[in-house]
Each structure stands twice: as C-alpha cells, then as structure tokens.
C-alpha cells in the first residue's frame, strides 16, 4: 500500500516519485507561462510553468504569500520573474470583475508590470484535465505534468486536497487549494 493515499483524496494519481523532480535548466525554446490565483487574506499563489514540445507541463517556480496587497504581490512576481519572457500570464477570472467602483485586481496587476488574461471558468473541466495531466500513462510510465522540488507549497498542498462532499466532481475549496487553482487554470486554458 501507499501511505500517501487516503479515502476522499482528490488527486489520487499523485506519486511523489513520478511528479516531483530535481530542478534543471529550462530550455530557452520551451514556452514559459505563469498562472496566478490571487488572494489577500487567503494566499496568492503564482506558478511558473514551461511547456515542452510534447505538451508536458514543467512547474519550476512558485510564489505563495498571504496577507499581502495585489500591487505588492504583482511586484514580487515581476521581481522573481527576472528577465524571463512569457507567452502569457493567467489570472483567476474573478480578478477581472468590477466590484462596484475603482480598479479591478487585474488592473492592479497590469499597472505593476503583469498583463494578465483570465483563465477559463469551468472548474469541473479544469479538474478533469488536471487529473489527466497527473495520470501515469501506460506507454511512457510517466505523467504529463511535473513539479520541481523547490515548489514546496505545490508538493505540500496538492496531495492533501479532498473531494467536495456535496459536489464530488469538484474539489473542496475550504482546503489549501490556491496552488491547485493556479495549475487548474493552465490545464484548462491549454485545452480550450
């Protein structure tokens, strides 16, 4: 048996020996992207990913910070990005909504150096794709998504997430789902 598998586990495909890898230098020819789940009281989670020629996703960096305003989060993400170039940066679609007055969260990110586009809004389809990327394929004995060892919050939080009790196809969003939401956003966007 596997002590990391438990009843109710949402991502039962997760195998640390298959999904977590040693960091390596990302080839310049791979497509680099970022995906951000913004939060203020809840953590903001930004995941940096690279997509290889076969469509596999390699998550190579993360930012995870709570109790921080959107402008500071955006500035920190820009600083951590250095001189890297990204095909796009995804942001939770809720961040593009006006709440009655003033700027949207997306506007604040844009003013601070990040030009985001909204990720798709179909959570269930996104989770289904997340499962597919994690699945170990018979032919290769490998998944289609990997996490560098330095993505501590991804490695910590993804395997402990559970099913929603009233909507079993959905993830229980009362858990630490911020990194998972960032990953889901990209999985869904790539398959629209």
N, C-alpha and C. Protein backbone atom coordinates (compact mmCIF):
# COMPACT_ATOMS: atom_id res chain seq x y z
N UNK A 1 0.81 -1.20 0.00
CA UNK A 1 0.00 0.00 0.00
C UNK A 1 0.85 1.25 0.00
N UNK A 2 0.22 2.36 -0.28
CA UNK A 2 0.88 3.67 -0.30
C UNK A 2 0.30 4.50 0.83
N UNK A 3 1.13 4.90 1.80
CA UNK A 3 0.68 5.67 2.96
C UNK A 3 0.23 7.08 2.57
N UNK A 4 0.52 7.52 1.35
CA UNK A 4 0.13 8.85 0.91
C UNK A 4 -1.25 8.87 0.26
N UNK A 5 -1.87 7.72 0.11
CA UNK A 5 -3.21 7.62 -0.47
C UNK A 5 -4.21 7.46 0.66
N UNK A 6 -5.33 8.21 0.60
CA UNK A 6 -6.33 8.12 1.66
C UNK A 6 -7.72 8.30 1.06
N UNK A 7 -8.73 7.86 1.78
CA UNK A 7 -10.12 7.96 1.34
C UNK A 7 -10.48 9.43 1.20
N UNK A 8 -11.09 9.78 0.07
CA UNK A 8 -11.51 11.15 -0.16
C UNK A 8 -10.47 12.00 -0.86
N UNK A 9 -9.28 11.47 -1.06
CA UNK A 9 -8.20 12.22 -1.72
C UNK A 9 -8.64 12.59 -3.14
N UNK A 10 -8.50 13.87 -3.48
CA UNK A 10 -8.95 14.33 -4.79
C UNK A 10 -7.99 13.91 -5.89
N UNK A 11 -6.71 14.08 -5.67
CA UNK A 11 -5.70 13.74 -6.68
C UNK A 11 -5.02 12.42 -6.30
N UNK A 12 -5.75 11.33 -6.45
CA UNK A 12 -5.18 10.03 -6.08
C UNK A 12 -4.16 9.54 -7.09
N UNK A 13 -3.94 10.28 -8.18
CA UNK A 13 -2.89 9.95 -9.15
C UNK A 13 -1.50 10.38 -8.66
N UNK A 14 -1.47 11.25 -7.66
CA UNK A 14 -0.22 11.87 -7.20
C UNK A 14 0.75 10.81 -6.69
N UNK A 15 1.94 10.80 -7.28
CA UNK A 15 3.04 9.94 -6.82
C UNK A 15 4.28 10.82 -6.75
N UNK A 16 4.77 11.03 -5.57
CA UNK A 16 5.91 11.93 -5.40
C UNK A 16 7.10 11.47 -6.23
N UNK A 17 7.28 10.15 -6.38
CA UNK A 17 8.42 9.63 -7.15
C UNK A 17 8.28 9.90 -8.64
N UNK A 18 7.07 10.17 -9.11
CA UNK A 18 6.83 10.42 -10.54
C UNK A 18 6.63 11.91 -10.84
N UNK A 19 6.00 12.64 -9.92
CA UNK A 19 5.61 14.02 -10.20
C UNK A 19 6.61 15.06 -9.70
N UNK A 20 7.43 14.72 -8.73
CA UNK A 20 8.39 15.67 -8.16
C UNK A 20 9.77 15.33 -8.66
N UNK A 21 10.44 16.33 -9.25
CA UNK A 21 11.74 16.08 -9.89
C UNK A 21 12.77 17.10 -9.45
N UNK A 22 14.02 16.76 -9.67
CA UNK A 22 15.12 17.69 -9.42
C UNK A 22 15.05 18.84 -10.42
N UNK A 23 15.32 20.06 -9.98
CA UNK A 23 15.34 21.19 -10.91
C UNK A 23 16.43 21.03 -11.98
N UNK A 24 16.15 21.56 -13.15
CA UNK A 24 17.12 21.59 -14.23
C UNK A 24 16.91 22.90 -14.98
N UNK A 25 17.84 23.24 -15.85
CA UNK A 25 17.73 24.47 -16.63
C UNK A 25 16.68 24.27 -17.72
N UNK A 26 15.66 25.12 -17.69
CA UNK A 26 14.59 25.04 -18.69
C UNK A 26 15.16 25.49 -20.04
N UNK A 27 15.00 24.69 -21.09
CA UNK A 27 15.47 25.12 -22.42
C UNK A 27 14.79 26.42 -22.86
N UNK A 28 15.56 27.30 -23.49
CA UNK A 28 15.02 28.58 -23.96
C UNK A 28 13.91 28.42 -24.99
N UNK A 29 13.87 27.28 -25.65
CA UNK A 29 12.88 27.07 -26.70
C UNK A 29 11.53 26.57 -26.18
N UNK A 30 11.44 26.21 -24.89
CA UNK A 30 10.16 25.81 -24.32
C UNK A 30 9.32 27.05 -24.06
N UNK A 31 8.02 26.91 -24.09
CA UNK A 31 7.10 28.01 -23.84
C UNK A 31 6.95 28.23 -22.34
N UNK A 32 7.26 29.45 -21.88
CA UNK A 32 7.12 29.78 -20.47
C UNK A 32 5.81 30.53 -20.23
N UNK A 33 5.17 30.18 -19.11
CA UNK A 33 3.89 30.79 -18.74
C UNK A 33 3.86 31.00 -17.23
N UNK A 34 2.91 31.83 -16.80
CA UNK A 34 2.64 31.98 -15.36
C UNK A 34 1.13 31.85 -15.16
N UNK A 35 0.74 31.36 -13.99
CA UNK A 35 -0.67 31.25 -13.65
C UNK A 35 -0.83 31.67 -12.19
N UNK A 36 -1.76 32.61 -11.95
CA UNK A 36 -1.88 33.23 -10.63
C UNK A 36 -3.29 33.06 -10.08
N UNK A 37 -3.36 32.57 -8.85
CA UNK A 37 -4.60 32.58 -8.07
C UNK A 37 -4.41 33.66 -7.03
N UNK A 38 -5.07 34.79 -7.23
CA UNK A 38 -4.88 35.93 -6.32
C UNK A 38 -5.70 35.77 -5.05
N UNK A 39 -5.10 36.15 -3.96
CA UNK A 39 -5.80 36.24 -2.68
C UNK A 39 -5.18 37.34 -1.85
N UNK A 40 -5.90 37.85 -0.90
CA UNK A 40 -5.34 38.83 0.03
C UNK A 40 -5.22 38.18 1.40
N UNK A 41 -6.36 37.84 2.00
CA UNK A 41 -6.32 37.11 3.26
C UNK A 41 -5.89 35.67 3.00
N UNK A 42 -6.51 35.07 1.99
CA UNK A 42 -6.04 33.76 1.52
C UNK A 42 -4.76 34.00 0.71
N UNK A 43 -3.90 33.01 0.60
CA UNK A 43 -2.65 33.22 -0.13
C UNK A 43 -2.85 33.51 -1.62
N UNK A 44 -1.94 34.32 -2.14
CA UNK A 44 -1.77 34.43 -3.59
C UNK A 44 -0.78 33.34 -3.98
N UNK A 45 -1.14 32.57 -4.99
CA UNK A 45 -0.26 31.51 -5.48
C UNK A 45 0.02 31.76 -6.95
N UNK A 46 1.30 31.95 -7.28
CA UNK A 46 1.71 32.07 -8.67
C UNK A 46 2.60 30.88 -8.98
N UNK A 47 2.30 30.23 -10.09
CA UNK A 47 3.11 29.11 -10.55
C UNK A 47 3.73 29.46 -11.90
N UNK A 48 5.04 29.22 -12.02
CA UNK A 48 5.75 29.41 -13.27
C UNK A 48 5.87 28.04 -13.94
N UNK A 49 5.44 27.94 -15.18
CA UNK A 49 5.49 26.68 -15.88
C UNK A 49 6.18 26.81 -17.22
N UNK A 50 6.68 25.68 -17.70
CA UNK A 50 7.26 25.60 -19.04
C UNK A 50 6.58 24.44 -19.74
N UNK A 51 6.25 24.65 -20.99
CA UNK A 51 5.58 23.62 -21.78
C UNK A 51 6.56 23.14 -22.83
N UNK A 52 6.83 21.84 -22.82
CA UNK A 52 7.82 21.29 -23.75
C UNK A 52 7.18 20.98 -25.11
N UNK A 53 7.96 20.40 -26.01
CA UNK A 53 7.49 20.12 -27.37
C UNK A 53 6.38 19.08 -27.42
N UNK A 54 6.27 18.25 -26.38
CA UNK A 54 5.24 17.21 -26.33
C UNK A 54 3.99 17.67 -25.57
N UNK A 55 3.98 18.92 -25.11
CA UNK A 55 2.84 19.43 -24.37
C UNK A 55 2.87 19.12 -22.89
N UNK A 56 3.97 18.57 -22.38
CA UNK A 56 4.09 18.33 -20.95
C UNK A 56 4.33 19.67 -20.24
N UNK A 57 3.83 19.76 -19.01
CA UNK A 57 4.00 20.97 -18.20
C UNK A 57 5.03 20.69 -17.12
N UNK A 58 5.99 21.60 -17.01
CA UNK A 58 7.05 21.51 -16.01
C UNK A 58 6.95 22.74 -15.12
N UNK A 59 6.42 22.57 -13.90
CA UNK A 59 6.28 23.68 -12.96
C UNK A 59 7.62 23.87 -12.26
N UNK A 60 8.23 25.03 -12.46
CA UNK A 60 9.61 25.19 -11.99
C UNK A 60 9.81 26.25 -10.91
N UNK A 61 8.80 27.02 -10.59
CA UNK A 61 8.93 28.05 -9.55
C UNK A 61 7.54 28.35 -9.01
N UNK A 62 7.51 28.79 -7.74
CA UNK A 62 6.24 29.19 -7.16
C UNK A 62 6.44 30.41 -6.26
N UNK A 63 5.35 31.13 -6.10
CA UNK A 63 5.25 32.24 -5.16
C UNK A 63 3.98 31.99 -4.36
N UNK A 64 4.07 32.09 -3.04
CA UNK A 64 2.93 31.77 -2.18
C UNK A 64 2.97 32.74 -1.01
N UNK A 65 2.00 33.67 -0.97
CA UNK A 65 2.05 34.73 0.05
C UNK A 65 0.65 35.15 0.44
N UNK A 66 0.38 35.22 1.75
CA UNK A 66 -0.92 35.71 2.20
C UNK A 66 -0.76 37.04 2.93
N UNK A 67 -1.90 37.69 3.17
CA UNK A 67 -1.94 38.98 3.87
C UNK A 67 -1.10 40.04 3.15
N UNK A 68 -1.15 40.04 1.82
CA UNK A 68 -0.37 40.97 1.02
C UNK A 68 -1.27 41.55 -0.08
N UNK A 69 -1.16 42.86 -0.30
CA UNK A 69 -1.98 43.54 -1.31
C UNK A 69 -1.56 43.14 -2.72
N UNK A 70 -2.51 43.32 -3.65
CA UNK A 70 -2.30 42.91 -5.05
C UNK A 70 -1.08 43.58 -5.67
N UNK A 71 -0.86 44.86 -5.40
CA UNK A 71 0.28 45.55 -6.02
C UNK A 71 1.61 44.96 -5.55
N UNK A 72 1.69 44.61 -4.27
CA UNK A 72 2.93 44.01 -3.73
C UNK A 72 3.12 42.61 -4.28
N UNK A 73 2.04 41.84 -4.35
CA UNK A 73 2.14 40.50 -4.97
C UNK A 73 2.65 40.61 -6.40
N UNK A 74 2.07 41.52 -7.17
CA UNK A 74 2.49 41.68 -8.57
C UNK A 74 3.96 42.07 -8.65
N UNK A 75 4.38 43.00 -7.81
CA UNK A 75 5.79 43.44 -7.82
C UNK A 75 6.73 42.28 -7.46
N UNK A 76 6.33 41.47 -6.49
CA UNK A 76 7.16 40.32 -6.11
C UNK A 76 7.24 39.30 -7.24
N UNK A 77 6.13 39.07 -7.93
CA UNK A 77 6.11 38.13 -9.05
C UNK A 77 7.00 38.64 -10.18
N UNK A 78 6.93 39.93 -10.47
CA UNK A 78 7.79 40.52 -11.50
C UNK A 78 9.26 40.36 -11.11
N UNK A 79 9.58 40.63 -9.85
CA UNK A 79 10.97 40.52 -9.38
C UNK A 79 11.47 39.08 -9.53
N UNK A 80 10.66 38.11 -9.11
CA UNK A 80 11.06 36.71 -9.21
C UNK A 80 11.17 36.23 -10.66
N UNK A 81 10.45 36.88 -11.55
CA UNK A 81 10.47 36.50 -12.97
C UNK A 81 11.75 36.94 -13.67
N UNK A 82 12.42 37.94 -13.12
CA UNK A 82 13.68 38.41 -13.72
C UNK A 82 13.48 38.84 -15.16
N UNK A 83 14.34 38.35 -16.02
CA UNK A 83 14.29 38.74 -17.44
C UNK A 83 13.58 37.70 -18.31
N UNK A 84 12.97 36.71 -17.69
CA UNK A 84 12.27 35.69 -18.46
C UNK A 84 11.13 36.29 -19.26
N UNK A 85 10.85 35.70 -20.40
CA UNK A 85 9.75 36.12 -21.27
C UNK A 85 8.67 35.04 -21.24
N UNK A 86 7.41 35.47 -21.16
CA UNK A 86 6.29 34.55 -21.04
C UNK A 86 5.34 34.73 -22.21
N UNK A 87 4.82 33.61 -22.69
CA UNK A 87 3.82 33.68 -23.75
C UNK A 87 2.56 34.34 -23.23
N UNK A 88 2.20 34.04 -21.96
CA UNK A 88 1.05 34.66 -21.33
C UNK A 88 1.12 34.45 -19.82
N UNK A 89 0.33 35.25 -19.11
CA UNK A 89 0.14 35.09 -17.67
C UNK A 89 -1.35 34.99 -17.42
N UNK A 90 -1.78 33.91 -16.81
CA UNK A 90 -3.19 33.72 -16.48
C UNK A 90 -3.47 34.24 -15.08
N UNK A 91 -4.67 34.74 -14.88
CA UNK A 91 -5.11 35.22 -13.58
C UNK A 91 -6.55 34.76 -13.39
N UNK A 92 -6.89 34.40 -12.17
CA UNK A 92 -8.25 33.99 -11.84
C UNK A 92 -9.24 34.95 -12.46
N UNK A 93 -10.22 34.42 -13.19
CA UNK A 93 -11.17 35.27 -13.92
C UNK A 93 -11.96 36.19 -12.98
N UNK A 94 -12.12 35.83 -11.72
CA UNK A 94 -12.82 36.70 -10.77
C UNK A 94 -12.09 38.03 -10.58
N UNK A 95 -10.79 38.06 -10.84
CA UNK A 95 -9.99 39.27 -10.67
C UNK A 95 -10.29 40.33 -11.73
N UNK A 96 -11.06 39.96 -12.75
CA UNK A 96 -11.40 40.90 -13.82
C UNK A 96 -12.76 41.55 -13.58
N UNK A 97 -13.43 41.16 -12.51
CA UNK A 97 -14.76 41.69 -12.21
C UNK A 97 -14.66 43.00 -11.45
N UNK A 98 -15.52 43.93 -11.83
CA UNK A 98 -15.63 45.18 -11.08
C UNK A 98 -16.51 44.91 -9.87
N UNK A 99 -16.10 45.42 -8.74
CA UNK A 99 -16.87 45.22 -7.51
C UNK A 99 -17.67 46.47 -7.16
N UNK A 100 -17.97 47.30 -8.13
CA UNK A 100 -18.79 48.47 -7.89
C UNK A 100 -18.08 49.77 -8.21
N UNK A 101 -16.82 49.87 -7.87
CA UNK A 101 -16.07 51.09 -8.14
C UNK A 101 -14.58 50.78 -8.12
N UNK A 102 -13.82 51.70 -8.65
CA UNK A 102 -12.37 51.55 -8.60
C UNK A 102 -11.82 50.53 -9.58
N UNK A 103 -10.58 50.16 -9.34
CA UNK A 103 -9.87 49.23 -10.22
C UNK A 103 -10.23 47.79 -9.92
N UNK A 104 -10.06 46.96 -10.92
CA UNK A 104 -10.15 45.52 -10.69
C UNK A 104 -8.77 45.04 -10.22
N UNK A 105 -8.72 43.84 -9.68
CA UNK A 105 -7.44 43.24 -9.30
C UNK A 105 -6.57 43.10 -10.55
N UNK A 106 -7.18 42.72 -11.67
CA UNK A 106 -6.42 42.60 -12.92
C UNK A 106 -5.79 43.93 -13.31
N UNK A 107 -6.51 45.05 -13.13
CA UNK A 107 -5.94 46.37 -13.42
C UNK A 107 -4.72 46.65 -12.55
N UNK A 108 -4.78 46.25 -11.29
CA UNK A 108 -3.65 46.48 -10.37
C UNK A 108 -2.43 45.67 -10.82
N UNK A 109 -2.66 44.42 -11.20
CA UNK A 109 -1.54 43.60 -11.70
C UNK A 109 -0.95 44.24 -12.95
N UNK A 110 -1.80 44.71 -13.84
CA UNK A 110 -1.32 45.32 -15.08
C UNK A 110 -0.50 46.58 -14.79
N UNK A 111 -0.96 47.41 -13.87
CA UNK A 111 -0.22 48.62 -13.51
C UNK A 111 1.15 48.30 -12.92
N UNK A 112 1.29 47.11 -12.39
CA UNK A 112 2.54 46.72 -11.74
C UNK A 112 3.38 45.74 -12.56
N UNK A 113 3.15 45.72 -13.87
CA UNK A 113 4.05 45.01 -14.76
C UNK A 113 3.63 43.64 -15.24
N UNK A 114 2.40 43.22 -14.94
CA UNK A 114 1.92 41.91 -15.39
C UNK A 114 0.66 42.14 -16.22
N UNK A 115 0.67 41.66 -17.45
CA UNK A 115 -0.51 41.79 -18.32
C UNK A 115 -1.25 40.46 -18.31
N UNK A 116 -2.23 40.32 -17.42
CA UNK A 116 -2.90 39.02 -17.28
C UNK A 116 -4.04 38.83 -18.26
N UNK A 117 -4.33 37.57 -18.51
CA UNK A 117 -5.55 37.18 -19.22
C UNK A 117 -6.32 36.24 -18.29
N UNK A 118 -7.66 36.25 -18.36
CA UNK A 118 -8.43 35.41 -17.43
C UNK A 118 -8.35 33.94 -17.79
N UNK A 119 -8.26 33.12 -16.76
CA UNK A 119 -8.32 31.70 -17.04
C UNK A 119 -9.77 31.29 -17.21
N UNK A 120 -10.04 30.15 -17.85
CA UNK A 120 -11.41 29.71 -18.10
C UNK A 120 -12.18 29.50 -16.79
N UNK A 121 -13.50 29.48 -16.89
CA UNK A 121 -14.34 29.43 -15.70
C UNK A 121 -14.97 28.07 -15.42
N UNK A 122 -14.61 27.02 -16.13
CA UNK A 122 -15.24 25.73 -15.93
C UNK A 122 -14.38 24.87 -14.99
N UNK A 123 -14.65 24.99 -13.68
CA UNK A 123 -13.85 24.28 -12.67
C UNK A 123 -13.82 22.77 -12.89
N UNK A 124 -14.98 22.18 -13.16
CA UNK A 124 -15.05 20.72 -13.27
C UNK A 124 -14.21 20.23 -14.45
N UNK A 125 -14.32 20.91 -15.58
CA UNK A 125 -13.49 20.54 -16.74
C UNK A 125 -12.01 20.73 -16.41
N UNK A 126 -11.70 21.79 -15.70
CA UNK A 126 -10.31 22.03 -15.30
C UNK A 126 -9.75 20.95 -14.40
N UNK A 127 -10.56 20.50 -13.43
CA UNK A 127 -10.09 19.42 -12.55
C UNK A 127 -9.91 18.13 -13.33
N UNK A 128 -10.81 17.87 -14.26
CA UNK A 128 -10.69 16.66 -15.08
C UNK A 128 -9.38 16.68 -15.86
N UNK A 129 -9.05 17.81 -16.43
CA UNK A 129 -7.78 17.94 -17.16
C UNK A 129 -6.58 17.83 -16.23
N UNK A 130 -6.67 18.39 -15.04
CA UNK A 130 -5.61 18.28 -14.03
C UNK A 130 -5.34 16.80 -13.77
N UNK A 131 -6.41 16.01 -13.57
CA UNK A 131 -6.27 14.56 -13.35
C UNK A 131 -5.55 13.91 -14.54
N UNK A 132 -5.93 14.29 -15.75
CA UNK A 132 -5.30 13.71 -16.95
C UNK A 132 -3.81 14.01 -16.99
N UNK A 133 -3.42 15.25 -16.67
CA UNK A 133 -2.00 15.61 -16.68
C UNK A 133 -1.22 14.85 -15.60
N UNK A 134 -1.86 14.55 -14.47
CA UNK A 134 -1.19 13.80 -13.41
C UNK A 134 -1.12 12.30 -13.66
N UNK A 135 -2.05 11.79 -14.47
CA UNK A 135 -2.15 10.34 -14.68
C UNK A 135 -0.83 9.78 -15.24
N UNK A 136 -0.46 8.60 -14.76
CA UNK A 136 0.73 7.90 -15.26
C UNK A 136 0.28 7.13 -16.51
N UNK A 137 0.90 7.43 -17.64
CA UNK A 137 0.50 6.82 -18.90
C UNK A 137 1.21 5.48 -19.10
N UNK A 138 0.46 4.50 -19.54
CA UNK A 138 0.95 3.13 -19.69
C UNK A 138 2.18 3.04 -20.59
N UNK A 139 2.15 3.74 -21.72
CA UNK A 139 3.23 3.62 -22.68
C UNK A 139 4.55 4.20 -22.15
N UNK A 140 4.48 5.36 -21.50
CA UNK A 140 5.71 6.04 -21.07
C UNK A 140 6.04 5.79 -19.60
N UNK A 141 5.05 5.35 -18.82
CA UNK A 141 5.18 5.19 -17.37
C UNK A 141 5.44 6.53 -16.69
N UNK A 142 5.04 7.62 -17.34
CA UNK A 142 5.24 8.97 -16.82
C UNK A 142 3.96 9.79 -16.94
N UNK A 143 3.83 10.82 -16.11
CA UNK A 143 2.71 11.75 -16.25
C UNK A 143 3.01 12.79 -17.33
N UNK A 144 2.09 13.73 -17.50
CA UNK A 144 2.29 14.85 -18.43
C UNK A 144 2.53 16.15 -17.69
N UNK A 145 2.75 16.07 -16.36
CA UNK A 145 2.98 17.26 -15.56
C UNK A 145 3.94 16.92 -14.42
N UNK A 146 4.91 17.82 -14.21
CA UNK A 146 5.95 17.61 -13.22
C UNK A 146 6.14 18.88 -12.39
N UNK A 147 6.64 18.71 -11.16
CA UNK A 147 6.89 19.82 -10.25
C UNK A 147 8.33 19.75 -9.77
N UNK A 148 9.07 20.84 -9.94
CA UNK A 148 10.42 20.89 -9.39
C UNK A 148 10.34 20.81 -7.86
N UNK A 149 11.37 20.25 -7.24
CA UNK A 149 11.42 20.08 -5.79
C UNK A 149 11.30 21.40 -5.02
N UNK A 150 11.62 22.51 -5.67
CA UNK A 150 11.54 23.80 -4.99
C UNK A 150 10.11 24.36 -4.97
N UNK A 151 9.16 23.66 -5.53
CA UNK A 151 7.74 24.08 -5.49
C UNK A 151 7.10 23.47 -4.24
N UNK A 152 7.58 23.92 -3.08
CA UNK A 152 7.22 23.32 -1.80
C UNK A 152 5.72 23.33 -1.52
N UNK A 153 5.07 24.44 -1.80
CA UNK A 153 3.64 24.54 -1.49
C UNK A 153 2.80 23.67 -2.41
N UNK A 154 3.23 23.50 -3.65
CA UNK A 154 2.54 22.58 -4.55
C UNK A 154 2.67 21.15 -4.03
N UNK A 155 3.87 20.77 -3.68
CA UNK A 155 4.14 19.41 -3.21
C UNK A 155 3.42 19.14 -1.90
N UNK A 156 3.32 20.15 -1.06
CA UNK A 156 2.64 20.01 0.23
C UNK A 156 1.13 19.96 0.08
N UNK A 157 0.57 20.84 -0.74
CA UNK A 157 -0.89 21.01 -0.74
C UNK A 157 -1.65 20.12 -1.72
N UNK A 158 -1.12 19.86 -2.88
CA UNK A 158 -1.90 19.11 -3.90
C UNK A 158 -2.30 17.72 -3.41
N UNK A 159 -1.40 16.93 -2.82
CA UNK A 159 -1.82 15.57 -2.43
C UNK A 159 -2.81 15.50 -1.27
N UNK A 160 -2.98 16.58 -0.49
CA UNK A 160 -3.88 16.50 0.67
C UNK A 160 -5.27 17.06 0.39
N UNK A 161 -5.51 17.54 -0.83
CA UNK A 161 -6.82 18.09 -1.15
C UNK A 161 -7.85 16.96 -1.26
N UNK A 162 -9.11 17.28 -0.91
CA UNK A 162 -10.16 16.27 -0.87
C UNK A 162 -11.35 16.68 -1.74
N UNK A 163 -12.22 15.71 -2.00
CA UNK A 163 -13.44 15.94 -2.76
C UNK A 163 -14.41 16.80 -1.95
N UNK A 164 -15.20 17.61 -2.65
CA UNK A 164 -16.30 18.34 -2.03
C UNK A 164 -17.38 17.32 -1.68
N UNK A 165 -17.90 17.38 -0.46
CA UNK A 165 -18.88 16.38 -0.02
C UNK A 165 -20.20 16.47 -0.78
N UNK A 166 -20.61 17.67 -1.19
CA UNK A 166 -21.90 17.81 -1.89
C UNK A 166 -21.75 17.78 -3.40
N UNK A 167 -20.55 18.05 -3.93
CA UNK A 167 -20.28 18.02 -5.37
C UNK A 167 -19.02 17.19 -5.60
N UNK A 168 -19.14 15.87 -5.63
CA UNK A 168 -17.96 15.00 -5.65
C UNK A 168 -17.03 15.18 -6.84
N UNK A 169 -17.51 15.77 -7.95
CA UNK A 169 -16.62 16.02 -9.09
C UNK A 169 -15.77 17.26 -8.87
N UNK A 170 -16.08 18.02 -7.82
CA UNK A 170 -15.35 19.25 -7.52
C UNK A 170 -14.45 19.01 -6.31
N UNK A 171 -13.48 19.90 -6.18
CA UNK A 171 -12.55 19.86 -5.05
C UNK A 171 -13.15 20.68 -3.92
N UNK A 172 -12.91 20.28 -2.69
CA UNK A 172 -13.37 21.02 -1.52
C UNK A 172 -12.53 22.29 -1.40
N UNK A 173 -13.14 23.42 -1.73
CA UNK A 173 -12.39 24.68 -1.77
C UNK A 173 -12.14 25.28 -0.39
N UNK A 174 -12.55 24.58 0.67
CA UNK A 174 -12.20 25.07 2.01
C UNK A 174 -10.78 24.65 2.38
N UNK A 175 -10.18 23.78 1.58
CA UNK A 175 -8.79 23.37 1.80
C UNK A 175 -7.82 24.34 1.16
N UNK A 176 -6.55 24.04 1.25
CA UNK A 176 -5.48 24.90 0.71
C UNK A 176 -5.35 24.62 -0.79
N UNK A 177 -6.30 25.18 -1.57
CA UNK A 177 -6.40 24.87 -2.99
C UNK A 177 -5.79 25.93 -3.90
N UNK A 178 -5.03 26.86 -3.37
CA UNK A 178 -4.56 28.02 -4.13
C UNK A 178 -3.58 27.63 -5.24
N UNK A 179 -2.60 26.81 -4.92
CA UNK A 179 -1.67 26.33 -5.95
C UNK A 179 -2.43 25.47 -6.95
N UNK A 180 -3.30 24.60 -6.46
CA UNK A 180 -4.07 23.73 -7.36
C UNK A 180 -4.92 24.56 -8.32
N UNK A 181 -5.51 25.64 -7.83
CA UNK A 181 -6.29 26.51 -8.72
C UNK A 181 -5.41 27.11 -9.81
N UNK A 182 -4.21 27.52 -9.47
CA UNK A 182 -3.29 28.06 -10.48
C UNK A 182 -2.97 27.02 -11.55
N UNK A 183 -2.70 25.82 -11.10
CA UNK A 183 -2.38 24.72 -12.02
C UNK A 183 -3.60 24.39 -12.88
N UNK A 184 -4.77 24.30 -12.25
CA UNK A 184 -6.01 24.00 -12.98
C UNK A 184 -6.26 25.04 -14.07
N UNK A 185 -6.04 26.31 -13.74
CA UNK A 185 -6.26 27.36 -14.73
C UNK A 185 -5.47 27.13 -16.00
N UNK A 186 -4.21 26.74 -15.87
CA UNK A 186 -3.39 26.49 -17.06
C UNK A 186 -3.84 25.23 -17.79
N UNK A 187 -4.11 24.16 -17.06
CA UNK A 187 -4.56 22.92 -17.71
C UNK A 187 -5.79 23.20 -18.58
N UNK A 188 -6.71 23.95 -18.03
CA UNK A 188 -7.94 24.25 -18.75
C UNK A 188 -7.68 25.17 -19.94
N UNK A 189 -6.86 26.19 -19.74
CA UNK A 189 -6.56 27.14 -20.80
C UNK A 189 -5.89 26.47 -22.00
N UNK A 190 -4.97 25.55 -21.71
CA UNK A 190 -4.25 24.86 -22.80
C UNK A 190 -5.14 23.95 -23.62
N UNK A 191 -6.30 23.59 -23.08
CA UNK A 191 -7.17 22.64 -23.74
C UNK A 191 -8.51 23.24 -24.16
N UNK A 192 -8.58 24.56 -24.23
CA UNK A 192 -9.83 25.21 -24.68
C UNK A 192 -10.04 25.00 -26.15
